[in-house]
């Protein structure tokens, strides 16, 4: 399938999930993440969920990060040029939901992309090679291009891998891992 077909398929599948299923699958993903070997790093970028799109509830991952005394980085979107600005999430950070339903920091200490060790990536679908399908605006491709070469890229998905994404672009950044409620996919072995 191509990206457009996959977006349509997985938006539909996600919309069919009940609130309870989203919660259980989100907890499953957080539990699977605990089995990975990415916890010795310092700076972790985490997306804040768009609840109305039935995205993975990242609050469980946020609790893990704070419990392990990690530095958590969240983004603010610029829809004029499809870029992200990154800020340290602290107890003093004020969040506000933007017009697209995305919780974003209103203030905070800026964090440059090259300092981020691990990026948790929202996606709609992924394949067995680590290619991913997002919403199609390129926010994360632009962001990942600015990260350092050692940054670990982890997709989070309610669903298992597709065999192949047919229209992968040269500018697309593949994942290092993808975590689902039932499995950890590793693409660097």
N, C-alpha and C. Protein backbone atom coordinates (compact mmCIF):
# COMPACT_ATOMS: atom_id res chain seq x y z
N UNK A 1 0.84 -1.20 0.00
CA UNK A 1 0.00 0.00 0.00
C UNK A 1 0.88 1.24 0.00
N UNK A 2 0.34 2.33 -0.54
CA UNK A 2 1.08 3.58 -0.49
C UNK A 2 0.65 4.37 0.76
N UNK A 3 1.33 5.49 0.99
CA UNK A 3 1.09 6.25 2.22
C UNK A 3 -0.34 6.76 2.33
N UNK A 4 -0.89 7.24 1.24
CA UNK A 4 -2.25 7.76 1.29
C UNK A 4 -3.25 6.66 1.67
N UNK A 5 -3.08 5.49 1.10
CA UNK A 5 -3.95 4.36 1.43
C UNK A 5 -3.78 3.93 2.89
N UNK A 6 -2.53 3.93 3.35
CA UNK A 6 -2.25 3.54 4.73
C UNK A 6 -2.81 4.57 5.71
N UNK A 7 -2.69 5.85 5.39
CA UNK A 7 -3.27 6.88 6.26
C UNK A 7 -4.77 6.65 6.43
N UNK A 8 -5.45 6.44 5.33
CA UNK A 8 -6.90 6.22 5.35
C UNK A 8 -7.24 4.98 6.18
N UNK A 9 -6.53 3.88 5.94
CA UNK A 9 -6.78 2.62 6.64
C UNK A 9 -6.59 2.76 8.15
N UNK A 10 -5.46 3.36 8.55
CA UNK A 10 -5.14 3.39 9.98
C UNK A 10 -5.87 4.49 10.73
N UNK A 11 -6.26 5.56 10.06
CA UNK A 11 -7.13 6.54 10.72
C UNK A 11 -8.47 5.89 11.03
N UNK A 12 -8.97 5.12 10.08
CA UNK A 12 -10.23 4.41 10.26
C UNK A 12 -10.13 3.38 11.39
N UNK A 13 -9.07 2.58 11.39
CA UNK A 13 -8.88 1.57 12.45
C UNK A 13 -8.77 2.23 13.82
N UNK A 14 -8.05 3.35 13.88
CA UNK A 14 -7.89 4.04 15.16
C UNK A 14 -9.22 4.63 15.63
N UNK A 15 -10.01 5.16 14.69
CA UNK A 15 -11.30 5.73 15.06
C UNK A 15 -12.26 4.69 15.61
N UNK A 16 -12.07 3.44 15.23
CA UNK A 16 -12.93 2.36 15.71
C UNK A 16 -12.60 1.93 17.14
N UNK A 17 -11.46 2.35 17.65
CA UNK A 17 -11.07 1.96 19.01
C UNK A 17 -11.92 2.69 20.05
N UNK A 18 -12.32 1.98 21.08
CA UNK A 18 -13.04 2.61 22.19
C UNK A 18 -12.02 3.34 23.08
N UNK A 19 -12.52 4.18 23.93
CA UNK A 19 -11.64 4.90 24.88
C UNK A 19 -10.88 3.89 25.75
N UNK A 20 -11.56 2.82 26.15
CA UNK A 20 -10.94 1.78 26.98
C UNK A 20 -9.83 1.06 26.22
N UNK A 21 -10.07 0.78 24.93
CA UNK A 21 -9.05 0.12 24.12
C UNK A 21 -7.82 1.01 23.95
N UNK A 22 -8.05 2.30 23.72
CA UNK A 22 -6.93 3.25 23.60
C UNK A 22 -6.11 3.23 24.89
N UNK A 23 -6.79 3.24 26.01
CA UNK A 23 -6.10 3.24 27.31
C UNK A 23 -5.31 1.95 27.52
N UNK A 24 -5.93 0.81 27.27
CA UNK A 24 -5.24 -0.48 27.46
C UNK A 24 -4.05 -0.64 26.51
N UNK A 25 -4.23 -0.25 25.27
CA UNK A 25 -3.13 -0.35 24.30
C UNK A 25 -2.01 0.63 24.65
N UNK A 26 -2.35 1.80 25.15
CA UNK A 26 -1.34 2.78 25.56
C UNK A 26 -0.52 2.26 26.72
N UNK A 27 -1.18 1.62 27.68
CA UNK A 27 -0.47 1.01 28.81
C UNK A 27 0.42 -0.12 28.31
N UNK A 28 -0.08 -0.91 27.37
CA UNK A 28 0.72 -1.99 26.78
C UNK A 28 1.98 -1.48 26.12
N UNK A 29 1.86 -0.37 25.40
CA UNK A 29 3.03 0.23 24.75
C UNK A 29 4.04 0.71 25.80
N UNK A 30 3.56 1.38 26.84
CA UNK A 30 4.45 1.84 27.91
C UNK A 30 5.17 0.66 28.56
N UNK A 31 4.45 -0.43 28.80
CA UNK A 31 5.07 -1.62 29.39
C UNK A 31 6.10 -2.24 28.47
N UNK A 32 5.82 -2.28 27.18
CA UNK A 32 6.81 -2.81 26.22
C UNK A 32 8.05 -1.91 26.20
N UNK A 33 7.85 -0.61 26.27
CA UNK A 33 8.99 0.32 26.27
C UNK A 33 9.95 0.03 27.42
N UNK A 34 9.40 -0.38 28.55
CA UNK A 34 10.24 -0.69 29.71
C UNK A 34 11.23 -1.82 29.43
N UNK A 35 10.93 -2.65 28.43
CA UNK A 35 11.80 -3.77 28.07
C UNK A 35 12.94 -3.36 27.14
N UNK A 36 12.90 -2.12 26.63
CA UNK A 36 13.95 -1.67 25.71
C UNK A 36 15.17 -1.21 26.49
N UNK A 37 16.26 -1.02 25.78
CA UNK A 37 17.51 -0.60 26.42
C UNK A 37 17.84 0.85 26.09
N UNK A 38 16.84 1.72 26.22
CA UNK A 38 17.05 3.13 25.87
C UNK A 38 17.03 4.04 27.11
N UNK A 39 17.06 3.46 28.27
CA UNK A 39 16.81 4.24 29.48
C UNK A 39 18.05 4.87 30.10
N UNK A 40 19.22 4.68 29.50
CA UNK A 40 20.44 5.28 30.06
C UNK A 40 20.69 6.69 29.51
N UNK A 41 19.84 7.15 28.62
CA UNK A 41 20.00 8.47 28.00
C UNK A 41 19.48 9.56 28.92
N UNK A 42 19.61 10.82 28.47
CA UNK A 42 19.20 11.96 29.29
C UNK A 42 17.99 12.71 28.76
N UNK A 43 18.04 13.11 27.48
CA UNK A 43 16.97 13.94 26.89
C UNK A 43 16.05 13.10 26.01
N UNK A 44 14.75 13.09 26.38
CA UNK A 44 13.75 12.30 25.68
C UNK A 44 12.66 13.23 25.14
N UNK A 45 12.46 13.19 23.84
CA UNK A 45 11.40 13.98 23.22
C UNK A 45 10.13 13.14 23.18
N UNK A 46 9.04 13.69 23.70
CA UNK A 46 7.77 12.98 23.75
C UNK A 46 6.67 13.86 23.16
N UNK A 47 5.87 13.29 22.27
CA UNK A 47 4.73 14.05 21.76
C UNK A 47 3.60 13.96 22.78
N UNK A 48 2.83 15.02 22.86
CA UNK A 48 1.66 15.04 23.72
C UNK A 48 0.44 14.71 22.86
N UNK A 49 -0.36 13.81 23.32
CA UNK A 49 -1.40 13.19 22.51
C UNK A 49 -2.54 14.12 22.12
N UNK A 50 -3.04 13.91 20.90
CA UNK A 50 -4.27 14.56 20.45
C UNK A 50 -5.39 13.56 20.77
N UNK A 51 -6.05 13.81 21.86
CA UNK A 51 -7.04 12.86 22.38
C UNK A 51 -8.16 12.61 21.37
N UNK A 52 -8.63 13.65 20.70
CA UNK A 52 -9.76 13.48 19.77
C UNK A 52 -9.39 12.64 18.54
N UNK A 53 -8.09 12.48 18.26
CA UNK A 53 -7.64 11.63 17.15
C UNK A 53 -7.33 10.21 17.62
N UNK A 54 -7.61 9.96 18.89
CA UNK A 54 -7.35 8.65 19.51
C UNK A 54 -5.88 8.24 19.35
N UNK A 55 -5.01 9.21 19.57
CA UNK A 55 -3.58 8.90 19.56
C UNK A 55 -3.22 8.15 20.84
N UNK A 56 -2.06 7.53 20.82
CA UNK A 56 -1.54 6.84 22.00
C UNK A 56 -1.49 7.83 23.15
N UNK A 57 -1.98 7.42 24.31
CA UNK A 57 -1.92 8.27 25.50
C UNK A 57 -0.49 8.19 26.05
N UNK A 58 0.27 9.24 25.82
CA UNK A 58 1.69 9.24 26.21
C UNK A 58 1.90 9.60 27.68
N UNK A 59 0.82 9.84 28.40
CA UNK A 59 0.96 10.18 29.81
C UNK A 59 1.66 9.06 30.60
N UNK A 60 1.42 7.81 30.22
CA UNK A 60 2.07 6.68 30.89
C UNK A 60 3.59 6.72 30.68
N UNK A 61 4.00 7.06 29.48
CA UNK A 61 5.44 7.18 29.17
C UNK A 61 6.02 8.37 29.92
N UNK A 62 5.26 9.44 29.99
CA UNK A 62 5.70 10.63 30.73
C UNK A 62 5.98 10.29 32.19
N UNK A 63 5.11 9.50 32.80
CA UNK A 63 5.32 9.09 34.20
C UNK A 63 6.60 8.26 34.34
N UNK A 64 6.85 7.38 33.39
CA UNK A 64 8.08 6.58 33.42
C UNK A 64 9.30 7.49 33.35
N UNK A 65 9.27 8.43 32.42
CA UNK A 65 10.40 9.34 32.24
C UNK A 65 10.67 10.16 33.50
N UNK A 66 9.62 10.72 34.07
CA UNK A 66 9.81 11.52 35.28
C UNK A 66 10.26 10.66 36.45
N UNK A 67 9.74 9.43 36.55
CA UNK A 67 10.15 8.53 37.64
C UNK A 67 11.63 8.17 37.53
N UNK A 68 12.15 8.18 36.31
CA UNK A 68 13.57 7.86 36.09
C UNK A 68 14.44 9.12 36.03
N UNK A 69 13.87 10.25 36.40
CA UNK A 69 14.59 11.53 36.43
C UNK A 69 15.18 11.91 35.08
N UNK A 70 14.42 11.69 34.02
CA UNK A 70 14.87 12.05 32.68
C UNK A 70 14.42 13.47 32.34
N UNK A 71 15.15 14.09 31.43
CA UNK A 71 14.76 15.41 30.92
C UNK A 71 13.78 15.17 29.78
N UNK A 72 12.57 15.72 29.91
CA UNK A 72 11.53 15.51 28.91
C UNK A 72 11.39 16.77 28.07
N UNK A 73 11.38 16.57 26.77
CA UNK A 73 11.28 17.66 25.81
C UNK A 73 9.97 17.51 25.05
N UNK A 74 9.23 18.62 24.92
CA UNK A 74 7.98 18.62 24.15
C UNK A 74 8.06 19.74 23.11
N UNK A 75 7.19 19.67 22.12
CA UNK A 75 7.28 20.59 20.99
C UNK A 75 6.09 21.52 20.87
N UNK A 76 6.38 22.61 20.17
CA UNK A 76 5.35 23.56 19.75
C UNK A 76 5.40 23.58 18.24
N UNK A 77 4.24 23.49 17.59
CA UNK A 77 4.17 23.41 16.12
C UNK A 77 4.03 24.80 15.49
N UNK A 78 4.71 24.96 14.37
CA UNK A 78 4.54 26.15 13.54
C UNK A 78 3.94 25.67 12.23
N UNK A 79 2.66 25.91 12.03
CA UNK A 79 1.97 25.39 10.85
C UNK A 79 2.20 26.24 9.61
N UNK A 80 2.84 27.39 9.77
CA UNK A 80 3.17 28.21 8.59
C UNK A 80 4.31 27.58 7.80
N UNK A 81 5.29 26.99 8.51
CA UNK A 81 6.43 26.38 7.81
C UNK A 81 6.64 24.90 8.19
N UNK A 82 5.64 24.32 8.87
CA UNK A 82 5.68 22.89 9.26
C UNK A 82 6.95 22.51 10.01
N UNK A 83 7.29 23.31 11.01
CA UNK A 83 8.45 23.02 11.85
C UNK A 83 8.03 22.91 13.31
N UNK A 84 8.91 22.36 14.11
CA UNK A 84 8.70 22.21 15.53
C UNK A 84 9.77 22.97 16.31
N UNK A 85 9.37 23.61 17.40
CA UNK A 85 10.31 24.18 18.37
C UNK A 85 10.20 23.32 19.62
N UNK A 86 11.31 23.11 20.31
CA UNK A 86 11.35 22.15 21.41
C UNK A 86 11.68 22.83 22.74
N UNK A 87 10.97 22.39 23.78
CA UNK A 87 11.11 23.00 25.10
C UNK A 87 11.16 21.93 26.18
N UNK A 88 11.94 22.22 27.22
CA UNK A 88 12.02 21.34 28.37
C UNK A 88 10.69 21.38 29.11
N UNK A 89 10.15 20.22 29.43
CA UNK A 89 8.90 20.14 30.18
C UNK A 89 9.24 20.05 31.66
N UNK A 90 8.79 21.04 32.41
CA UNK A 90 9.02 21.06 33.86
C UNK A 90 7.68 21.28 34.55
N UNK A 91 7.70 21.27 35.87
CA UNK A 91 6.46 21.52 36.60
C UNK A 91 5.94 22.93 36.38
N UNK A 92 6.81 23.84 35.91
CA UNK A 92 6.39 25.21 35.65
C UNK A 92 5.92 25.46 34.22
N UNK A 93 6.05 24.47 33.36
CA UNK A 93 5.65 24.64 31.97
C UNK A 93 4.13 24.72 31.86
N UNK A 94 3.66 25.77 31.22
CA UNK A 94 2.23 25.91 30.98
C UNK A 94 1.92 25.33 29.62
N UNK A 95 0.91 24.46 29.57
CA UNK A 95 0.49 23.84 28.31
C UNK A 95 -0.85 24.43 27.88
N UNK A 96 -1.01 24.53 26.56
CA UNK A 96 -2.25 25.01 25.99
C UNK A 96 -2.54 24.18 24.74
N UNK A 97 -3.81 23.81 24.56
CA UNK A 97 -4.20 23.04 23.38
C UNK A 97 -4.38 24.01 22.21
N UNK A 98 -3.67 23.74 21.10
CA UNK A 98 -3.80 24.63 19.94
C UNK A 98 -5.06 24.30 19.14
N UNK A 99 -5.29 25.02 18.05
CA UNK A 99 -6.53 24.84 17.28
C UNK A 99 -6.63 23.48 16.59
N UNK A 100 -5.51 22.72 16.55
CA UNK A 100 -5.52 21.38 15.97
C UNK A 100 -5.66 20.29 17.04
N UNK A 101 -5.84 20.71 18.29
CA UNK A 101 -6.02 19.76 19.37
C UNK A 101 -4.73 19.27 19.99
N UNK A 102 -3.60 19.90 19.65
CA UNK A 102 -2.29 19.47 20.15
C UNK A 102 -1.93 20.25 21.41
N UNK A 103 -1.71 19.56 22.53
CA UNK A 103 -1.22 20.26 23.73
C UNK A 103 0.22 20.73 23.47
N UNK A 104 0.48 22.01 23.72
CA UNK A 104 1.80 22.58 23.45
C UNK A 104 2.26 23.46 24.60
N UNK A 105 3.58 23.58 24.78
CA UNK A 105 4.08 24.47 25.82
C UNK A 105 3.88 25.93 25.42
N UNK A 106 3.46 26.74 26.36
CA UNK A 106 3.32 28.17 26.11
C UNK A 106 4.64 28.89 26.40
N UNK A 107 5.45 28.25 27.21
CA UNK A 107 6.71 28.85 27.61
C UNK A 107 7.70 27.73 27.89
N UNK A 108 8.89 28.09 28.28
CA UNK A 108 9.85 27.06 28.67
C UNK A 108 11.24 27.33 28.15
N UNK A 109 12.14 26.49 28.59
CA UNK A 109 13.54 26.57 28.19
C UNK A 109 13.72 25.85 26.86
N UNK A 110 14.17 26.56 25.81
CA UNK A 110 14.37 25.90 24.51
C UNK A 110 15.45 24.82 24.58
N UNK A 111 15.25 23.75 23.83
CA UNK A 111 16.21 22.65 23.76
C UNK A 111 16.56 22.44 22.29
N UNK A 112 17.86 22.56 21.93
CA UNK A 112 18.24 22.32 20.52
C UNK A 112 18.11 20.84 20.16
N UNK A 113 17.78 20.58 18.91
CA UNK A 113 17.56 19.21 18.44
C UNK A 113 18.77 18.31 18.68
N UNK A 114 19.97 18.86 18.54
CA UNK A 114 21.17 18.01 18.67
C UNK A 114 21.43 17.54 20.10
N UNK A 115 20.67 18.03 21.07
CA UNK A 115 20.80 17.56 22.45
C UNK A 115 19.87 16.39 22.75
N UNK A 116 18.90 16.14 21.89
CA UNK A 116 17.88 15.13 22.16
C UNK A 116 18.43 13.74 21.86
N UNK A 117 18.35 12.86 22.85
CA UNK A 117 18.89 11.50 22.74
C UNK A 117 17.91 10.50 22.14
N UNK A 118 16.64 10.63 22.52
CA UNK A 118 15.60 9.68 22.10
C UNK A 118 14.37 10.47 21.68
N UNK A 119 13.79 10.08 20.54
CA UNK A 119 12.55 10.71 20.07
C UNK A 119 11.48 9.64 19.95
N UNK A 120 10.38 9.83 20.67
CA UNK A 120 9.20 8.99 20.52
C UNK A 120 8.34 9.62 19.44
N UNK A 121 8.04 8.86 18.39
CA UNK A 121 7.43 9.42 17.19
C UNK A 121 5.99 8.94 17.02
N UNK A 122 5.06 9.89 16.87
CA UNK A 122 3.68 9.49 16.57
C UNK A 122 3.61 9.04 15.12
N UNK A 123 2.77 8.07 14.83
CA UNK A 123 2.64 7.62 13.45
C UNK A 123 1.30 6.94 13.27
N UNK A 124 0.93 6.76 12.02
CA UNK A 124 -0.30 6.04 11.70
C UNK A 124 0.00 4.59 11.34
N UNK A 125 1.13 4.37 10.63
CA UNK A 125 1.50 3.02 10.20
C UNK A 125 3.01 2.95 10.04
N UNK A 126 3.52 1.72 9.99
CA UNK A 126 4.95 1.50 9.74
C UNK A 126 5.10 0.15 9.07
N UNK A 127 6.28 -0.07 8.47
CA UNK A 127 6.48 -1.37 7.82
C UNK A 127 7.63 -2.13 8.48
N UNK A 128 7.87 -3.33 8.00
CA UNK A 128 8.86 -4.23 8.61
C UNK A 128 10.29 -3.78 8.39
N UNK A 129 10.49 -2.72 7.60
CA UNK A 129 11.83 -2.15 7.39
C UNK A 129 12.06 -0.91 8.26
N UNK A 130 11.04 -0.48 8.99
CA UNK A 130 11.17 0.70 9.85
C UNK A 130 10.73 1.99 9.20
N UNK A 131 10.15 1.90 8.01
CA UNK A 131 9.60 3.10 7.38
C UNK A 131 8.28 3.42 8.06
N UNK A 132 7.92 4.69 8.08
CA UNK A 132 6.73 5.10 8.82
C UNK A 132 5.84 6.02 7.99
N UNK A 133 4.59 6.07 8.40
CA UNK A 133 3.61 6.97 7.79
C UNK A 133 3.03 7.81 8.91
N UNK A 134 3.19 9.12 8.78
CA UNK A 134 2.59 10.06 9.73
C UNK A 134 1.41 10.74 9.08
N UNK A 135 1.16 11.96 9.51
CA UNK A 135 0.03 12.71 8.97
C UNK A 135 0.35 13.38 7.62
N UNK A 136 1.61 13.36 7.22
CA UNK A 136 1.97 13.84 5.89
C UNK A 136 2.41 15.28 5.78
N UNK A 137 2.63 15.95 6.90
CA UNK A 137 3.05 17.35 6.86
C UNK A 137 4.57 17.53 6.92
N UNK A 138 5.31 16.47 7.26
CA UNK A 138 6.76 16.55 7.28
C UNK A 138 7.38 17.13 8.54
N UNK A 139 6.58 17.38 9.57
CA UNK A 139 7.12 17.95 10.81
C UNK A 139 8.27 17.11 11.36
N UNK A 140 8.05 15.80 11.45
CA UNK A 140 9.06 14.95 12.07
C UNK A 140 10.27 14.71 11.16
N UNK A 141 10.08 14.68 9.85
CA UNK A 141 11.23 14.54 8.96
C UNK A 141 12.16 15.75 9.09
N UNK A 142 11.57 16.94 9.16
CA UNK A 142 12.37 18.16 9.35
C UNK A 142 13.08 18.12 10.71
N UNK A 143 12.35 17.75 11.75
CA UNK A 143 12.90 17.65 13.10
C UNK A 143 14.04 16.64 13.16
N UNK A 144 13.81 15.44 12.65
CA UNK A 144 14.83 14.38 12.72
C UNK A 144 16.07 14.72 11.91
N UNK A 145 15.92 15.49 10.86
CA UNK A 145 17.07 15.91 10.06
C UNK A 145 18.02 16.80 10.87
N UNK A 146 17.50 17.46 11.89
CA UNK A 146 18.30 18.36 12.73
C UNK A 146 18.89 17.66 13.96
N UNK A 147 18.42 16.45 14.25
CA UNK A 147 18.95 15.70 15.39
C UNK A 147 20.32 15.15 15.02
N UNK A 148 21.06 14.72 16.03
CA UNK A 148 22.38 14.14 15.72
C UNK A 148 22.21 12.69 15.26
N UNK A 149 23.24 12.14 14.68
CA UNK A 149 23.16 10.81 14.08
C UNK A 149 22.96 9.69 15.11
N UNK A 150 23.22 9.99 16.38
CA UNK A 150 23.05 8.99 17.44
C UNK A 150 21.66 8.99 18.06
N UNK A 151 20.84 9.95 17.69
CA UNK A 151 19.49 10.03 18.26
C UNK A 151 18.71 8.77 17.92
N UNK A 152 18.08 8.18 18.93
CA UNK A 152 17.29 6.96 18.76
C UNK A 152 15.86 7.35 18.42
N UNK A 153 15.34 6.79 17.32
CA UNK A 153 14.00 7.11 16.83
C UNK A 153 13.07 5.93 17.09
N UNK A 154 12.07 6.16 17.96
CA UNK A 154 11.16 5.09 18.36
C UNK A 154 9.73 5.46 17.98
N UNK A 155 9.15 4.69 17.07
CA UNK A 155 7.75 4.87 16.72
C UNK A 155 6.87 4.18 17.74
N UNK A 156 5.67 4.72 17.93
CA UNK A 156 4.70 4.13 18.84
C UNK A 156 3.43 3.87 18.04
N UNK A 157 2.95 2.62 18.06
CA UNK A 157 1.81 2.25 17.23
C UNK A 157 0.87 1.30 17.95
N UNK A 158 -0.43 1.52 17.81
CA UNK A 158 -1.42 0.59 18.32
C UNK A 158 -1.44 -0.71 17.50
N UNK A 159 -0.94 -0.64 16.26
CA UNK A 159 -1.09 -1.73 15.31
C UNK A 159 0.27 -2.30 14.90
N UNK A 160 0.26 -3.52 14.39
CA UNK A 160 1.49 -4.18 13.98
C UNK A 160 1.94 -3.69 12.60
N UNK A 161 3.13 -4.11 12.20
CA UNK A 161 3.78 -3.63 10.97
C UNK A 161 3.06 -4.11 9.71
N UNK A 162 3.05 -3.24 8.72
CA UNK A 162 2.65 -3.60 7.35
C UNK A 162 3.87 -4.28 6.72
N UNK A 163 3.66 -5.05 5.68
CA UNK A 163 4.79 -5.70 5.00
C UNK A 163 5.72 -4.66 4.39
N UNK A 164 5.16 -3.71 3.66
CA UNK A 164 5.98 -2.70 3.00
C UNK A 164 5.16 -1.44 2.71
N UNK A 165 5.81 -0.30 2.83
CA UNK A 165 5.23 0.97 2.39
C UNK A 165 5.82 1.24 1.02
N UNK A 166 4.96 1.35 0.01
CA UNK A 166 5.42 1.40 -1.37
C UNK A 166 6.11 2.69 -1.77
N UNK A 167 5.70 3.82 -1.21
CA UNK A 167 6.22 5.10 -1.69
C UNK A 167 7.07 5.83 -0.64
N UNK A 168 8.13 5.17 -0.20
CA UNK A 168 9.07 5.78 0.75
C UNK A 168 9.94 6.77 -0.01
N UNK A 169 10.13 7.94 0.59
CA UNK A 169 10.94 8.99 -0.04
C UNK A 169 12.34 8.99 0.54
N UNK A 170 13.26 9.52 -0.21
CA UNK A 170 14.65 9.61 0.23
C UNK A 170 14.77 10.46 1.50
N UNK A 171 13.92 11.45 1.65
CA UNK A 171 13.96 12.37 2.79
C UNK A 171 13.32 11.77 4.05
N UNK A 172 12.61 10.65 3.92
CA UNK A 172 11.98 10.01 5.07
C UNK A 172 13.03 9.42 6.01
N UNK A 173 12.84 9.59 7.28
CA UNK A 173 13.75 9.02 8.27
C UNK A 173 13.16 7.73 8.82
N UNK A 174 13.85 6.61 8.64
CA UNK A 174 13.33 5.35 9.18
C UNK A 174 13.49 5.30 10.70
N UNK A 175 12.72 4.43 11.30
CA UNK A 175 12.76 4.23 12.75
C UNK A 175 13.91 3.31 13.13
N UNK A 176 14.37 3.45 14.37
CA UNK A 176 15.29 2.47 14.95
C UNK A 176 14.48 1.35 15.61
N UNK A 177 13.35 1.73 16.22
CA UNK A 177 12.44 0.79 16.87
C UNK A 177 11.01 1.23 16.60
N UNK A 178 10.09 0.30 16.72
CA UNK A 178 8.68 0.65 16.82
C UNK A 178 8.10 -0.25 17.90
N UNK A 179 7.33 0.36 18.78
CA UNK A 179 6.76 -0.37 19.91
C UNK A 179 5.24 -0.39 19.78
N UNK A 180 4.69 -1.59 19.86
CA UNK A 180 3.25 -1.78 19.84
C UNK A 180 2.84 -2.38 21.19
N UNK A 181 1.57 -2.54 21.46
CA UNK A 181 1.17 -3.13 22.74
C UNK A 181 1.70 -4.55 22.94
N UNK A 182 2.05 -5.25 21.84
CA UNK A 182 2.44 -6.65 21.94
C UNK A 182 3.86 -6.96 21.51
N UNK A 183 4.57 -6.01 20.95
CA UNK A 183 5.85 -6.34 20.34
C UNK A 183 6.77 -5.12 20.25
N UNK A 184 8.07 -5.40 20.27
CA UNK A 184 9.09 -4.39 20.02
C UNK A 184 9.76 -4.77 18.71
N UNK A 185 9.68 -3.90 17.72
CA UNK A 185 10.36 -4.11 16.45
C UNK A 185 11.70 -3.37 16.50
N UNK A 186 12.77 -4.03 16.16
CA UNK A 186 14.09 -3.41 16.10
C UNK A 186 14.56 -3.45 14.65
N UNK A 187 14.94 -2.31 14.11
CA UNK A 187 15.29 -2.23 12.70
C UNK A 187 16.78 -2.07 12.44
N UNK A 188 17.59 -2.14 13.49
CA UNK A 188 19.03 -1.92 13.33
C UNK A 188 19.85 -3.19 13.45
N UNK A 189 19.21 -4.32 13.48
CA UNK A 189 19.96 -5.57 13.66
C UNK A 189 20.19 -6.26 12.35
